[in-house]
Amino acid sequence: MFKGMKPVFWWGLALLYGYPFLMMILEMNIPGLTYHVKIGNAPLSFLYAHVIALLVVPMTVAILYWYVLEQEEKKSGAQTQGVKKNG
């Protein structure tokens, strides 16, 4: 089922699921991390859970998927037209 998936898919999947798992492990192992560490008046968990996990990580994965696949398409298009790259 996953045999034909490109490596960028697995990198994105690891980023989307690895970040929350890492934060969960840190919250369980560092006493007081959840509500005692604050930025301004908001707990730090609000920053990494709401801002980073809901906005930054998905946007990064979306750009990663778009950019890598676009570069592969350009590369394959150049090869089908007979253009050789130097390097």
Protein backbone atom coordinates (compact mmCIF):
# COMPACT_ATOMS: atom_id res chain seq x y z
CA MET A 1 0.00 0.00 0.00
CA PHE A 2 2.80 2.46 0.85
CA LYS A 3 5.35 1.01 -1.56
CA GLY A 4 5.19 3.84 -4.12
CA MET A 5 5.24 6.73 -1.66
CA LYS A 6 7.98 9.29 -2.13
CA PRO A 7 10.46 9.95 0.71
CA VAL A 8 9.14 13.50 1.15
CA PHE A 9 5.83 11.99 2.28
CA TRP A 10 7.58 10.12 5.08
CA TRP A 11 9.53 13.23 6.12
CA GLY A 12 6.30 15.20 6.32
CA LEU A 13 4.56 12.44 8.24
CA ALA A 14 7.44 12.24 10.70
CA LEU A 15 7.31 16.01 11.21
CA LEU A 16 3.52 16.14 11.66
CA TYR A 17 3.40 13.29 14.15
CA GLY A 18 6.88 13.55 15.64
CA TYR A 19 6.53 17.10 16.94
CA PRO A 20 3.42 16.45 19.09
CA PHE A 21 4.90 13.16 20.30
CA LEU A 22 8.13 14.91 21.30
CA MET A 23 6.20 17.64 23.13
CA MET A 24 4.11 15.01 24.91
CA ILE A 25 7.26 13.21 26.09
CA LEU A 26 8.77 16.51 27.28
CA GLU A 27 5.59 17.45 29.17
CA MET A 28 5.52 14.06 30.89
CA ASN A 29 9.18 14.13 31.90
CA ILE A 30 9.87 17.77 32.82
CA PRO A 31 8.01 18.76 35.99
CA GLY A 32 6.21 22.09 35.76
CA LEU A 33 6.68 22.56 32.01
CA THR A 34 2.99 22.59 31.21
CA TYR A 35 1.76 25.61 33.18
CA HIS A 36 4.63 27.03 35.23
CA VAL A 37 6.81 28.23 32.33
CA LYS A 38 5.18 31.35 30.87
CA ILE A 39 5.76 33.79 28.06
CA GLY A 40 4.05 37.04 28.93
CA ASN A 41 1.01 35.81 30.84
CA ALA A 42 0.29 32.70 28.73
CA PRO A 43 1.67 29.26 29.55
CA LEU A 44 4.38 27.98 27.23
CA SER A 45 2.21 25.02 26.24
CA PHE A 46 -0.16 27.42 24.48
CA LEU A 47 2.68 28.63 22.30
CA TYR A 48 3.99 25.26 21.19
CA ALA A 49 0.61 23.55 21.05
CA HIS A 50 -1.53 26.22 19.44
CA VAL A 51 0.79 28.39 17.43
CA ILE A 52 3.57 26.04 16.38
CA ALA A 53 1.67 22.74 16.11
CA LEU A 54 -1.43 24.20 14.45
CA LEU A 55 0.09 26.89 12.23
CA VAL A 56 3.82 26.53 11.69
CA VAL A 57 4.28 22.76 11.35
CA PRO A 58 1.40 22.15 8.85
CA MET A 59 2.46 25.15 6.74
CA THR A 60 6.05 23.91 6.73
CA VAL A 61 4.94 20.44 5.61
CA ALA A 62 2.70 21.92 2.91
CA ILE A 63 5.57 24.02 1.55
CA LEU A 64 7.89 21.02 1.77
CA TYR A 65 5.48 18.86 -0.23
CA TRP A 66 4.98 21.58 -2.83
CA TYR A 67 8.64 22.56 -3.17
CA VAL A 68 10.13 19.06 -3.37
CA LEU A 69 7.55 17.79 -5.86
CA GLU A 70 7.94 20.95 -7.96
CA GLN A 71 11.72 20.45 -8.10
CA GLU A 72 11.28 16.80 -9.11
CA GLU A 73 8.87 17.86 -11.85
CA LYS A 74 11.34 20.44 -13.18
CA LYS A 75 14.13 17.88 -13.09
CA SER A 76 12.10 15.24 -14.93
CA GLY A 77 10.93 17.86 -17.46
CA ALA A 78 14.51 18.86 -18.20
CA GLN A 79 15.55 15.23 -18.61
CA THR A 80 12.69 14.43 -21.02
CA GLN A 81 13.64 17.40 -23.20
CA GLY A 82 17.20 16.17 -23.43
CA VAL A 83 18.80 18.88 -21.36
CA LYS A 84 21.74 17.70 -19.30
CA LYS A 85 22.59 19.40 -16.06
CA ASN A 86 26.16 20.35 -15.28
CA GLY A 87 27.42 19.06 -12.01
